[in-house]
C-alpha atoms as a PDB file:
ATOM      1  CA  UNK A   1     123.748 128.079 129.821  1.00  0.00           C
ATOM      2  CA  UNK A   2     120.696 127.676 127.581  1.00  0.00           C
ATOM      3  CA  UNK A   3     117.298 127.882 129.278  1.00  0.00           C
ATOM      4  CA  UNK A   4     115.380 124.728 128.312  1.00  0.00           C
ATOM      5  CA  UNK A   5     112.264 125.480 130.356  1.00  0.00           C
ATOM      6  CA  UNK A   6     108.973 125.715 128.532  1.00  0.00           C
ATOM      7  CA  UNK A   7     105.320 126.335 129.344  1.00  0.00           C
ATOM      8  CA  UNK A   8     102.880 123.679 128.164  1.00  0.00           C
ATOM      9  CA  UNK A   9      99.159 123.599 128.968  1.00  0.00           C
ATOM     10  CA  UNK A  10      99.747 125.981 131.841  1.00  0.00           C
ATOM     11  CA  UNK A  11     102.439 123.720 133.315  1.00  0.00           C
ATOM     12  CA  UNK A  12     106.030 124.876 133.632  1.00  0.00           C
ATOM     13  CA  UNK A  13     108.333 122.101 132.406  1.00  0.00           C
ATOM     14  CA  UNK A  14     112.069 122.023 133.025  1.00  0.00           C
ATOM     15  CA  UNK A  15     112.499 121.031 129.380  1.00  0.00           C
ATOM     16  CA  UNK A  16     110.214 120.142 126.431  1.00  0.00           C
ATOM     17  CA  UNK A  17     110.820 116.362 126.474  1.00  0.00           C
ATOM     18  CA  UNK A  18     107.707 114.437 127.516  1.00  0.00           C
ATOM     19  CA  UNK A  19     107.569 110.660 127.731  1.00  0.00           C
ATOM     20  CA  UNK A  20     104.395 109.869 125.804  1.00  0.00           C
ATOM     21  CA  UNK A  21     101.542 107.611 126.849  1.00  0.00           C
ATOM     22  CA  UNK A  22     102.713 103.988 126.601  1.00  0.00           C
ATOM     23  CA  UNK A  23     103.862 100.971 128.587  1.00  0.00           C
ATOM     24  CA  UNK A  24     106.993 103.004 129.284  1.00  0.00           C
ATOM     25  CA  UNK A  25     104.992 104.908 131.902  1.00  0.00           C
ATOM     26  CA  UNK A  26     102.803 102.169 133.381  1.00  0.00           C
ATOM     27  CA  UNK A  27     104.372 102.065 136.853  1.00  0.00           C
ATOM     28  CA  UNK A  28     105.521 104.522 139.484  1.00  0.00           C
ATOM     29  CA  UNK A  29     108.972 102.921 139.405  1.00  0.00           C
ATOM     30  CA  UNK A  30     109.381 103.495 135.666  1.00  0.00           C
ATOM     31  CA  UNK A  31     108.184 107.065 135.997  1.00  0.00           C
ATOM     32  CA  UNK A  32     110.618 107.790 138.814  1.00  0.00           C
ATOM     33  CA  UNK A  33     113.402 106.600 136.508  1.00  0.00           C
ATOM     34  CA  UNK A  34     112.245 108.951 133.720  1.00  0.00           C
ATOM     35  CA  UNK A  35     112.212 111.778 136.225  1.00  0.00           C
ATOM     36  CA  UNK A  36     115.745 110.912 137.299  1.00  0.00           C
ATOM     37  CA  UNK A  37     117.183 111.028 133.756  1.00  0.00           C
ATOM     38  CA  UNK A  38     115.726 114.477 133.177  1.00  0.00           C
ATOM     39  CA  UNK A  39     112.393 114.318 131.330  1.00  0.00           C
ATOM     40  CA  UNK A  40     110.157 117.375 131.502  1.00  0.00           C
ATOM     41  CA  UNK A  41     106.867 115.520 132.097  1.00  0.00           C
ATOM     42  CA  UNK A  42     105.215 112.118 131.847  1.00  0.00           C
ATOM     43  CA  UNK A  43     101.959 111.017 130.229  1.00  0.00           C
ATOM     44  CA  UNK A  44     100.515 107.882 131.787  1.00  0.00           C
ATOM     45  CA  UNK A  45      99.166 105.046 129.602  1.00  0.00           C
ATOM     46  CA  UNK A  46      95.678 105.696 128.280  1.00  0.00           C
ATOM     47  CA  UNK A  47      92.770 104.023 129.958  1.00  0.00           C
ATOM     48  CA  UNK A  48      90.827 102.727 126.971  1.00  0.00           C
ATOM     49  CA  UNK A  49      87.037 102.760 127.002  1.00  0.00           C
ATOM     50  CA  UNK A  50      87.154 100.175 124.215  1.00  0.00           C
ATOM     51  CA  UNK A  51      89.384  97.844 126.257  1.00  0.00           C
ATOM     52  CA  UNK A  52      86.913  97.886 129.105  1.00  0.00           C
ATOM     53  CA  UNK A  53      84.157  96.833 126.711  1.00  0.00           C
ATOM     54  CA  UNK A  54      86.258  94.018 125.233  1.00  0.00           C
ATOM     55  CA  UNK A  55      87.321  92.736 128.650  1.00  0.00           C
ATOM     56  CA  UNK A  56      83.702  92.779 129.815  1.00  0.00           C
ATOM     57  CA  UNK A  57      82.650  90.742 126.778  1.00  0.00           C
ATOM     58  CA  UNK A  58      85.453  88.215 127.337  1.00  0.00           C
ATOM     59  CA  UNK A  59      84.392  87.697 130.944  1.00  0.00           C
ATOM     60  CA  UNK A  60      80.750  87.268 129.982  1.00  0.00           C
ATOM     61  CA  UNK A  61      81.671  84.766 127.277  1.00  0.00           C
ATOM     62  CA  UNK A  62      84.029  82.810 129.526  1.00  0.00           C
ATOM     63  CA  UNK A  63      81.586  82.702 132.437  1.00  0.00           C
ATOM     64  CA  UNK A  64      78.606  82.218 130.099  1.00  0.00           C
ATOM     65  CA  UNK A  65      76.855  85.233 131.520  1.00  0.00           C
ATOM     66  CA  UNK A  66      73.713  86.249 129.690  1.00  0.00           C
ATOM     67  CA  UNK A  67      71.938  88.836 131.773  1.00  0.00           C
ATOM     68  CA  UNK A  68      73.809  91.196 134.025  1.00  0.00           C
ATOM     69  CA  UNK A  69      76.134  92.554 131.364  1.00  0.00           C
ATOM     70  CA  UNK A  70      75.947  96.006 132.922  1.00  0.00           C
ATOM     71  CA  UNK A  71      77.146  94.571 136.225  1.00  0.00           C
ATOM     72  CA  UNK A  72      80.185  93.053 134.524  1.00  0.00           C
ATOM     73  CA  UNK A  73      80.901  96.322 132.713  1.00  0.00           C
ATOM     74  CA  UNK A  74      80.662  98.270 135.973  1.00  0.00           C
ATOM     75  CA  UNK A  75      82.950  95.802 137.773  1.00  0.00           C
ATOM     76  CA  UNK A  76      85.638  95.891 135.061  1.00  0.00           C
ATOM     77  CA  UNK A  77      85.460  99.652 134.751  1.00  0.00           C
ATOM     78  CA  UNK A  78      85.606 100.333 138.479  1.00  0.00           C
ATOM     79  CA  UNK A  79      88.565  97.941 138.888  1.00  0.00           C
ATOM     80  CA  UNK A  80      90.512  99.554 136.071  1.00  0.00           C
ATOM     81  CA  UNK A  81      89.734 103.025 137.362  1.00  0.00           C
ATOM     82  CA  UNK A  82      90.917 102.201 140.891  1.00  0.00           C
ATOM     83  CA  UNK A  83      94.165 100.748 139.513  1.00  0.00           C
ATOM     84  CA  UNK A  84      94.630 103.853 137.386  1.00  0.00           C
ATOM     85  CA  UNK A  85      94.074 106.211 140.300  1.00  0.00           C
ATOM     86  CA  UNK A  86      96.671 104.235 142.276  1.00  0.00           C
ATOM     87  CA  UNK A  87      99.115 104.720 139.369  1.00  0.00           C
ATOM     88  CA  UNK A  88      98.530 108.476 139.483  1.00  0.00           C
ATOM     89  CA  UNK A  89      99.080 108.654 143.234  1.00  0.00           C
ATOM     90  CA  UNK A  90     102.146 106.434 143.130  1.00  0.00           C
ATOM     91  CA  UNK A  91     103.707 108.412 140.286  1.00  0.00           C
ATOM     92  CA  UNK A  92     103.037 111.723 141.998  1.00  0.00           C
ATOM     93  CA  UNK A  93     104.688 110.448 145.166  1.00  0.00           C
ATOM     94  CA  UNK A  94     107.717 109.200 143.215  1.00  0.00           C
ATOM     95  CA  UNK A  95     108.247 112.094 140.800  1.00  0.00           C
ATOM     96  CA  UNK A  96     109.015 115.801 140.923  1.00  0.00           C
ATOM     97  CA  UNK A  97     107.793 116.497 137.369  1.00  0.00           C
ATOM     98  CA  UNK A  98     104.207 116.887 136.088  1.00  0.00           C
ATOM     99  CA  UNK A  99     102.184 113.703 135.740  1.00  0.00           C
ATOM    100  CA  UNK A 100      99.589 113.836 132.965  1.00  0.00           C
ATOM    101  CA  UNK A 101      96.780 111.282 132.998  1.00  0.00           C
ATOM    102  CA  UNK A 102      95.303 109.995 129.741  1.00  0.00           C
ATOM    103  CA  UNK A 103      91.962 108.523 128.740  1.00  0.00           C
ATOM    104  CA  UNK A 104      91.071 107.146 125.329  1.00  0.00           C
ATOM    105  CA  UNK A 105      87.384 107.660 124.707  1.00  0.00           C
ATOM    106  CA  UNK A 106      84.889 107.862 121.883  1.00  0.00           C
ATOM    107  CA  UNK A 107      81.915 108.945 123.988  1.00  0.00           C
ATOM    108  CA  UNK A 108      81.505 111.246 126.960  1.00  0.00           C
ATOM    109  CA  UNK A 109      79.441 108.891 129.183  1.00  0.00           C
ATOM    110  CA  UNK A 110      81.095 107.952 132.457  1.00  0.00           C
ATOM    111  CA  UNK A 111      84.385 109.627 131.559  1.00  0.00           C
ATOM    112  CA  UNK A 112      83.021 112.877 132.941  1.00  0.00           C
ATOM    113  CA  UNK A 113      82.865 111.437 136.442  1.00  0.00           C
ATOM    114  CA  UNK A 114      86.216 109.710 135.966  1.00  0.00           C
ATOM    115  CA  UNK A 115      87.870 113.005 134.994  1.00  0.00           C
ATOM    116  CA  UNK A 116      86.976 114.458 138.381  1.00  0.00           C
ATOM    117  CA  UNK A 117      88.486 111.409 140.109  1.00  0.00           C
ATOM    118  CA  UNK A 118      91.694 111.871 138.102  1.00  0.00           C
ATOM    119  CA  UNK A 119      91.944 115.429 139.353  1.00  0.00           C
ATOM    120  CA  UNK A 120      91.318 114.349 142.958  1.00  0.00           C
ATOM    121  CA  UNK A 121      94.051 111.697 142.668  1.00  0.00           C
ATOM    122  CA  UNK A 122      96.572 114.450 141.967  1.00  0.00           C
ATOM    123  CA  UNK A 123      97.140 114.398 138.202  1.00  0.00           C
ATOM    124  CA  UNK A 124      98.603 117.685 136.979  1.00  0.00           C
ATOM    125  CA  UNK A 125      96.668 117.556 133.698  1.00  0.00           C
ATOM    126  CA  UNK A 126      94.407 115.281 131.679  1.00  0.00           C
ATOM    127  CA  UNK A 127      95.091 114.252 128.090  1.00  0.00           C
ATOM    128  CA  UNK A 128      92.044 113.201 126.074  1.00  0.00           C
ATOM    129  CA  UNK A 129      93.076 110.698 123.441  1.00  0.00           C
ATOM    130  CA  UNK A 130      89.951 111.053 121.314  1.00  0.00           C
ATOM    131  CA  UNK A 131      90.197 109.021 118.153  1.00  0.00           C
ATOM    132  CA  UNK A 132      87.986 106.812 116.082  1.00  0.00           C
ATOM    133  CA  UNK A 133      88.070 106.082 112.374  1.00  0.00           C
ATOM    134  CA  UNK A 134      84.703 106.961 110.894  1.00  0.00           C
ATOM    135  CA  UNK A 135      84.030 104.910 107.761  1.00  0.00           C
ATOM    136  CA  UNK A 136      80.252 104.988 107.618  1.00  0.00           C
ATOM    137  CA  UNK A 137      79.276 106.683 104.324  1.00  0.00           C
ATOM    138  CA  UNK A 138      76.047 107.860 105.953  1.00  0.00           C
ATOM    139  CA  UNK A 139      77.848 109.843 108.667  1.00  0.00           C
ATOM    140  CA  UNK A 140      78.680 113.497 108.119  1.00  0.00           C
ATOM    141  CA  UNK A 141      82.464 114.012 108.516  1.00  0.00           C
ATOM    142  CA  UNK A 142      81.747 116.954 110.799  1.00  0.00           C
ATOM    143  CA  UNK A 143      80.276 114.608 113.391  1.00  0.00           C
ATOM    144  CA  UNK A 144      83.754 113.494 114.439  1.00  0.00           C
ATOM    145  CA  UNK A 145      84.798 117.081 115.065  1.00  0.00           C
ATOM    146  CA  UNK A 146      81.587 117.746 116.987  1.00  0.00           C
ATOM    147  CA  UNK A 147      82.362 114.686 119.141  1.00  0.00           C
ATOM    148  CA  UNK A 148      85.796 116.090 120.025  1.00  0.00           C
ATOM    149  CA  UNK A 149      84.347 119.459 120.925  1.00  0.00           C
ATOM    150  CA  UNK A 150      81.490 118.004 122.978  1.00  0.00           C
ATOM    151  CA  UNK A 151      83.805 115.835 125.079  1.00  0.00           C
ATOM    152  CA  UNK A 152      86.112 118.776 125.792  1.00  0.00           C
ATOM    153  CA  UNK A 153      83.186 120.984 126.810  1.00  0.00           C
ATOM    154  CA  UNK A 154      81.892 118.418 129.281  1.00  0.00           C
ATOM    155  CA  UNK A 155      85.286 117.514 130.735  1.00  0.00           C
ATOM    156  CA  UNK A 156      86.183 121.178 131.209  1.00  0.00           C
ATOM    157  CA  UNK A 157      82.950 121.683 133.133  1.00  0.00           C
ATOM    158  CA  UNK A 158      83.995 119.266 135.889  1.00  0.00           C
ATOM    159  CA  UNK A 159      87.776 119.707 136.273  1.00  0.00           C
ATOM    160  CA  UNK A 160      90.076 122.593 137.010  1.00  0.00           C
ATOM    161  CA  UNK A 161      93.308 120.977 135.861  1.00  0.00           C
ATOM    162  CA  UNK A 162      94.548 121.600 132.298  1.00  0.00           C
ATOM    163  CA  UNK A 163      92.797 119.569 129.603  1.00  0.00           C
ATOM    164  CA  UNK A 164      94.865 118.460 126.616  1.00  0.00           C
ATOM    165  CA  UNK A 165      93.469 116.928 123.440  1.00  0.00           C
ATOM    166  CA  UNK A 166      95.512 114.399 121.492  1.00  0.00           C
ATOM    167  CA  UNK A 167      94.156 114.704 117.963  1.00  0.00           C
ATOM    168  CA  UNK A 168      94.192 112.546 114.863  1.00  0.00           C
ATOM    169  CA  UNK A 169      95.722 113.531 111.533  1.00  0.00           C
ATOM    170  CA  UNK A 170      92.592 112.266 109.752  1.00  0.00           C
ATOM    171  CA  UNK A 171      90.919 115.659 109.859  1.00  0.00           C
ATOM    172  CA  UNK A 172      91.011 117.710 106.687  1.00  0.00           C
ATOM    173  CA  UNK A 173      91.467 121.096 108.359  1.00  0.00           C
ATOM    174  CA  UNK A 174      93.471 120.592 111.531  1.00  0.00           C
ATOM    175  CA  UNK A 175      93.942 124.326 112.311  1.00  0.00           C
ATOM    176  CA  UNK A 176      90.148 124.708 112.286  1.00  0.00           C
ATOM    177  CA  UNK A 177      89.766 121.834 114.757  1.00  0.00           C
ATOM    178  CA  UNK A 178      92.497 123.181 117.036  1.00  0.00           C
ATOM    179  CA  UNK A 179      90.933 126.640 116.963  1.00  0.00           C
ATOM    180  CA  UNK A 180      87.532 125.232 117.966  1.00  0.00           C
ATOM    181  CA  UNK A 181      89.100 123.155 120.736  1.00  0.00           C
ATOM    182  CA  UNK A 182      90.863 126.276 121.979  1.00  0.00           C
ATOM    183  CA  UNK A 183      87.570 128.196 121.987  1.00  0.00           C
ATOM    184  CA  UNK A 184      85.990 125.455 124.098  1.00  0.00           C
ATOM    185  CA  UNK A 185      88.766 125.640 126.674  1.00  0.00           C
ATOM    186  CA  UNK A 186      91.369 123.074 125.619  1.00  0.00           C
ATOM    187  CA  UNK A 187      94.670 124.086 127.207  1.00  0.00           C
ATOM    188  CA  UNK A 188      96.837 122.293 124.647  1.00  0.00           C
ATOM    189  CA  UNK A 189      96.623 120.000 121.642  1.00  0.00           C
ATOM    190  CA  UNK A 190      98.936 117.118 120.725  1.00  0.00           C
ATOM    191  CA  UNK A 191      99.575 116.469 117.028  1.00  0.00           C
ATOM    192  CA  UNK A 192      99.202 113.511 116.528  1.00  0.00           C
ATOM    193  CA  UNK A 193      98.034 110.286 118.097  1.00  0.00           C
ATOM    194  CA  UNK A 194      99.295 107.214 116.259  1.00  0.00           C
ATOM    195  CA  UNK A 195      96.695 105.175 114.434  1.00  0.00           C
ATOM    196  CA  UNK A 196      96.480 101.438 114.942  1.00  0.00           C
ATOM    197  CA  UNK A 197      98.807  99.987 112.258  1.00  0.00           C
ATOM    198  CA  UNK A 198      96.865  97.651 109.984  1.00  0.00           C
ATOM    199  CA  UNK A 199      98.458  94.987 107.808  1.00  0.00           C
ATOM    200  CA  UNK A 200      97.603  91.699 106.090  1.00  0.00           C
ATOM    201  CA  UNK A 201      99.316  88.339 106.467  1.00  0.00           C
ATOM    202  CA  UNK A 202      99.071  87.015 102.897  1.00  0.00           C
ATOM    203  CA  UNK A 203     100.199  83.526 103.946  1.00  0.00           C
ATOM    204  CA  UNK A 204      97.581  83.088 106.667  1.00  0.00           C
ATOM    205  CA  UNK A 205      95.134  85.292 104.772  1.00  0.00           C
ATOM    206  CA  UNK A 206      94.095  87.350 107.762  1.00  0.00           C
ATOM    207  CA  UNK A 207      94.284  90.920 109.024  1.00  0.00           C
ATOM    208  CA  UNK A 208      97.156  91.602 111.397  1.00  0.00           C
ATOM    209  CA  UNK A 209      98.776  94.476 113.212  1.00  0.00           C
ATOM    210  CA  UNK A 210     101.582  96.340 111.475  1.00  0.00           C
ATOM    211  CA  UNK A 211     104.670  97.853 113.126  1.00  0.00           C
ATOM    212  CA  UNK A 212     103.708  99.492 116.419  1.00  0.00           C
ATOM    213  CA  UNK A 213     106.577 101.986 116.614  1.00  0.00           C
ATOM    214  CA  UNK A 214     106.790 105.104 114.488  1.00  0.00           C
ATOM    215  CA  UNK A 215     109.485 105.738 111.879  1.00  0.00           C
ATOM    216  CA  UNK A 216     111.703 108.826 111.479  1.00  0.00           C
ATOM    217  CA  UNK A 217     109.977 109.792 108.226  1.00  0.00           C
ATOM    218  CA  UNK A 218     106.674 110.079 110.114  1.00  0.00           C
ATOM    219  CA  UNK A 219     107.854 113.372 111.587  1.00  0.00           C
ATOM    220  CA  UNK A 220     107.189 115.121 108.253  1.00  0.00           C
ATOM    221  CA  UNK A 221     103.417 115.338 108.778  1.00  0.00           C
ATOM    222  CA  UNK A 222     103.949 116.353 112.380  1.00  0.00           C
ATOM    223  CA  UNK A 223     106.210 119.249 111.374  1.00  0.00           C
ATOM    224  CA  UNK A 224     103.867 120.409 108.607  1.00  0.00           C
ATOM    225  CA  UNK A 225     100.763 120.574 110.770  1.00  0.00           C
ATOM    226  CA  UNK A 226     102.464 121.984 113.850  1.00  0.00           C
ATOM    227  CA  UNK A 227     103.745 124.786 111.635  1.00  0.00           C
ATOM    228  CA  UNK A 228     100.460 125.440 109.837  1.00  0.00           C
ATOM    229  CA  UNK A 229      98.496 125.322 113.076  1.00  0.00           C
ATOM    230  CA  UNK A 230     100.849 127.355 115.263  1.00  0.00           C
ATOM    231  CA  UNK A 231     101.022 130.114 112.656  1.00  0.00           C
ATOM    232  CA  UNK A 232      97.250 130.409 112.402  1.00  0.00           C
ATOM    233  CA  UNK A 233      95.961 129.600 115.872  1.00  0.00           C
ATOM    234  CA  UNK A 234      97.861 131.712 118.395  1.00  0.00           C
ATOM    235  CA  UNK A 235      97.352 131.253 122.095  1.00  0.00           C
ATOM    236  CA  UNK A 236      97.179 127.462 122.296  1.00  0.00           C
ATOM    237  CA  UNK A 237     100.103 125.245 123.254  1.00  0.00           C
ATOM    238  CA  UNK A 238     100.965 122.448 120.847  1.00  0.00           C
ATOM    239  CA  UNK A 239     102.917 119.281 121.511  1.00  0.00           C
ATOM    240  CA  UNK A 240     104.527 117.347 118.685  1.00  0.00           C
ATOM    241  CA  UNK A 241     104.079 113.587 118.632  1.00  0.00           C
ATOM    242  CA  UNK A 242     104.811 110.799 116.112  1.00  0.00           C
ATOM    243  CA  UNK A 243     108.094 110.401 114.259  1.00  0.00           C
ATOM    244  CA  UNK A 244     110.401 112.115 116.756  1.00  0.00           C
ATOM    245  CA  UNK A 245     113.523 109.957 116.828  1.00  0.00           C
ATOM    246  CA  UNK A 246     116.456 112.334 117.343  1.00  0.00           C
ATOM    247  CA  UNK A 247     117.515 115.555 119.034  1.00  0.00           C
ATOM    248  CA  UNK A 248     117.357 117.219 115.613  1.00  0.00           C
ATOM    249  CA  UNK A 249     113.677 116.246 115.355  1.00  0.00           C
ATOM    250  CA  UNK A 250     113.019 117.882 118.715  1.00  0.00           C
ATOM    251  CA  UNK A 251     114.698 121.098 117.551  1.00  0.00           C
ATOM    252  CA  UNK A 252     112.671 121.091 114.319  1.00  0.00           C
ATOM    253  CA  UNK A 253     109.403 120.617 116.198  1.00  0.00           C
ATOM    254  CA  UNK A 254     110.142 123.583 118.440  1.00  0.00           C
ATOM    255  CA  UNK A 255     111.197 125.751 115.500  1.00  0.00           C
ATOM    256  CA  UNK A 256     107.827 125.197 113.810  1.00  0.00           C
ATOM    257  CA  UNK A 257     105.917 126.078 116.961  1.00  0.00           C
ATOM    258  CA  UNK A 258     105.734 123.176 119.418  1.00  0.00           C
ATOM    259  CA  UNK A 259     105.920 123.997 123.115  1.00  0.00           C
ATOM    260  CA  UNK A 260     106.728 120.397 123.984  1.00  0.00           C
ATOM    261  CA  UNK A 261     107.598 117.130 122.248  1.00  0.00           C
ATOM    262  CA  UNK A 262     106.245 113.708 123.174  1.00  0.00           C
ATOM    263  CA  UNK A 263     108.587 110.789 122.603  1.00  0.00           C
ATOM    264  CA  UNK A 264     107.870 107.059 122.733  1.00  0.00           C
ATOM    265  CA  UNK A 265     109.374 105.011 119.892  1.00  0.00           C
ATOM    266  CA  UNK A 266     112.848 106.536 120.243  1.00  0.00           C
ATOM    267  CA  UNK A 267     112.948 105.348 123.857  1.00  0.00           C
ATOM    268  CA  UNK A 268     112.732 101.656 122.866  1.00  0.00           C
ATOM    269  CA  UNK A 269     114.216  99.181 123.446  1.00  0.00           C
ATOM    270  CA  UNK A 270     117.178  99.771 125.767  1.00  0.00           C
ATOM    271  CA  UNK A 271     118.516 103.177 124.795  1.00  0.00           C
ATOM    272  CA  UNK A 272     115.748 105.216 126.396  1.00  0.00           C
ATOM    273  CA  UNK A 273     117.553 106.264 129.522  1.00  0.00           C
ATOM    274  CA  UNK A 274     120.566 107.448 127.507  1.00  0.00           C
ATOM    275  CA  UNK A 275     118.428 109.146 124.867  1.00  0.00           C
ATOM    276  CA  UNK A 276     117.005 111.766 127.215  1.00  0.00           C
ATOM    277  CA  UNK A 277     120.179 113.269 128.717  1.00  0.00           C
ATOM    278  CA  UNK A 278     122.009 112.988 125.399  1.00  0.00           C
ATOM    279  CA  UNK A 279     119.183 114.781 123.588  1.00  0.00           C
ATOM    280  CA  UNK A 280     119.033 117.563 126.170  1.00  0.00           C
ATOM    281  CA  UNK A 281     122.799 118.032 126.009  1.00  0.00           C
ATOM    282  CA  UNK A 282     122.834 118.189 122.208  1.00  0.00           C
ATOM    283  CA  UNK A 283     119.919 120.623 122.093  1.00  0.00           C
ATOM    284  CA  UNK A 284     121.671 122.864 124.591  1.00  0.00           C
ATOM    285  CA  UNK A 285     124.885 122.768 122.527  1.00  0.00           C
ATOM    286  CA  UNK A 286     122.978 123.553 119.330  1.00  0.00           C
ATOM    287  CA  UNK A 287     121.162 126.465 120.980  1.00  0.00           C
ATOM    288  CA  UNK A 288     124.466 127.874 122.169  1.00  0.00           C
ATOM    289  CA  UNK A 289     125.936 127.604 118.663  1.00  0.00           C
ATOM    290  CA  UNK A 290     122.940 129.552 117.278  1.00  0.00           C
ATOM    291  CA  UNK A 291     122.892 132.097 120.122  1.00  0.00           C
ATOM    292  CA  UNK A 292     119.483 131.011 121.405  1.00  0.00           C
ATOM    293  CA  UNK A 293     119.352 131.704 125.123  1.00  0.00           C
ATOM    294  CA  UNK A 294     115.985 130.016 125.678  1.00  0.00           C
ATOM    295  CA  UNK A 295     113.380 127.708 124.156  1.00  0.00           C
ATOM    296  CA  UNK A 296     110.983 130.651 123.928  1.00  0.00           C
ATOM    297  CA  UNK A 297     113.389 132.518 121.647  1.00  0.00           C
ATOM    298  CA  UNK A 298     113.462 129.715 119.069  1.00  0.00           C
ATOM    299  CA  UNK A 299     109.870 128.484 119.286  1.00  0.00           C
ATOM    300  CA  UNK A 300     107.886 129.117 116.119  1.00  0.00           C
ATOM    301  CA  UNK A 301     110.608 130.796 114.057  1.00  0.00           C
ATOM    302  CA  UNK A 302     109.584 128.780 111.028  1.00  0.00           C
ATOM    303  CA  UNK A 303     105.936 129.763 110.925  1.00  0.00           C
ATOM    304  CA  UNK A 304     104.706 130.145 107.376  1.00  0.00           C
ATOM    305  CA  UNK A 305     104.023 133.751 106.353  1.00  0.00           C
ATOM    306  CA  UNK A 306     100.316 134.443 106.959  1.00  0.00           C
ATOM    307  CA  UNK A 307     100.167 136.503 103.736  1.00  0.00           C
ATOM    308  CA  UNK A 308     101.067 133.498 101.592  1.00  0.00           C
ATOM    309  CA  UNK A 309      98.286 131.327 100.199  1.00  0.00           C
ATOM    310  CA  UNK A 310      98.905 127.999 101.891  1.00  0.00           C
ATOM    311  CA  UNK A 311      97.661 125.808  99.027  1.00  0.00           C
ATOM    312  CA  UNK A 312      99.752 127.675  96.468  1.00  0.00           C
ATOM    313  CA  UNK A 313     102.774 127.598  98.768  1.00  0.00           C
ATOM    314  CA  UNK A 314     102.590 123.858  99.270  1.00  0.00           C
ATOM    315  CA  UNK A 315     101.955 123.156  95.609  1.00  0.00           C
ATOM    316  CA  UNK A 316     104.912 125.329  94.594  1.00  0.00           C
ATOM    317  CA  UNK A 317     107.174 123.541  97.043  1.00  0.00           C
ATOM    318  CA  UNK A 318     105.989 120.171  95.719  1.00  0.00           C
ATOM    319  CA  UNK A 319     106.842 121.140  92.143  1.00  0.00           C
ATOM    320  CA  UNK A 320     110.151 122.660  93.194  1.00  0.00           C
ATOM    321  CA  UNK A 321     111.104 119.470  94.999  1.00  0.00           C
ATOM    322  CA  UNK A 322     110.396 117.155  92.085  1.00  0.00           C
ATOM    323  CA  UNK A 323     111.866 119.535  89.504  1.00  0.00           C
ATOM    324  CA  UNK A 324     115.200 119.189  91.300  1.00  0.00           C
ATOM    325  CA  UNK A 325     114.830 115.464  91.889  1.00  0.00           C
ATOM    326  CA  UNK A 326     116.963 113.290  89.590  1.00  0.00           C
END
C-alpha cells in the first residue's frame, strides 16, 4: 500500500490533504467531520485584524460613540479572541489531526500577544495570512516584503509552535521572499492566499465582489511558483493553495515540490465529504501504477534544472506553446 504520510512545518500528517482556512472549518463539529473522512490537517478560519476594525467602527457609529474608540476596539478584539481560542480548544478535543490556527494581519501590534495565547490554547501551528495590496506610488515595493519578515521575526520570538506564512502572488520574486522567510524562522510557506475578487456591476454602477471560489485554471500559477521556489529554496516546506480542484491537481502539486495541499473551493457545496476519500484513493492508485511507494519519493520530481536560465526557459516554453497552437 502506498505511504501517503508527509511532513509539513514539522508536523507529521497522515496525508497531504489540508482543509484550508474558510467557513468550512469554523466549528469543532465541522472539523471533527473532516477528521473522520480522512483529511491530513485543518486550518481554522483567519481572525482578521481588519474585520475587528470594521466591527468596532460599526458599533461606534450605531451607538454614536465619539470618545472611547479604543475601549470599543479592545472589547471587540478580546471577544473575538476568546471565541477563537474556544474554537481551537473545541477542535483539538474533537480531532486527532493537527489543528492550525490562522490570523490575517497587516501589522504586528497586538498579534504578538495573541500568538502566545493561540499556542497556549493548543494549536499545533500558526498560519500567518499576511496580505495587503500596496498601491501607494510613494511606497517602496520592498516595504511589503519587510513587513512580512518583521511579523515573522516577532511571532517566532514568542511561540514555540511552527509558524507558517501564507503569501501573496503579488511579489515579483517569490523564491527570494520564501528564502528570507526561511532565514527568519518560518517553518513553511503557503503559495498562495486568494486575493479578494473585485468586479463592477455596470447596471448599478458600483464596485462589487467577484466569484469567491477559485477555478481549476488558477492552479497554473500555483504549480509554476511551487516548482520555481522548491527547486531554489531547499529546506522549507511548501503548501500549494488556490486552484486545486481534483486529485490530479494534488498529484501535480506534489510532483513540483509541495509537501501538502490546501483545498477549499473543491469542497463546496455538497461534495466535500466525498471528495477527500475519493481523492486519497485515486492518488494511492496512481502512485501504485507509477511504482511510487511514498509521497516522499514523488515530491519535487519536476523541479526545473538549476543550470537552466529561468527567464530563457520560460520564454522558450511560451514560444513553443504558441508555435504549436492553431
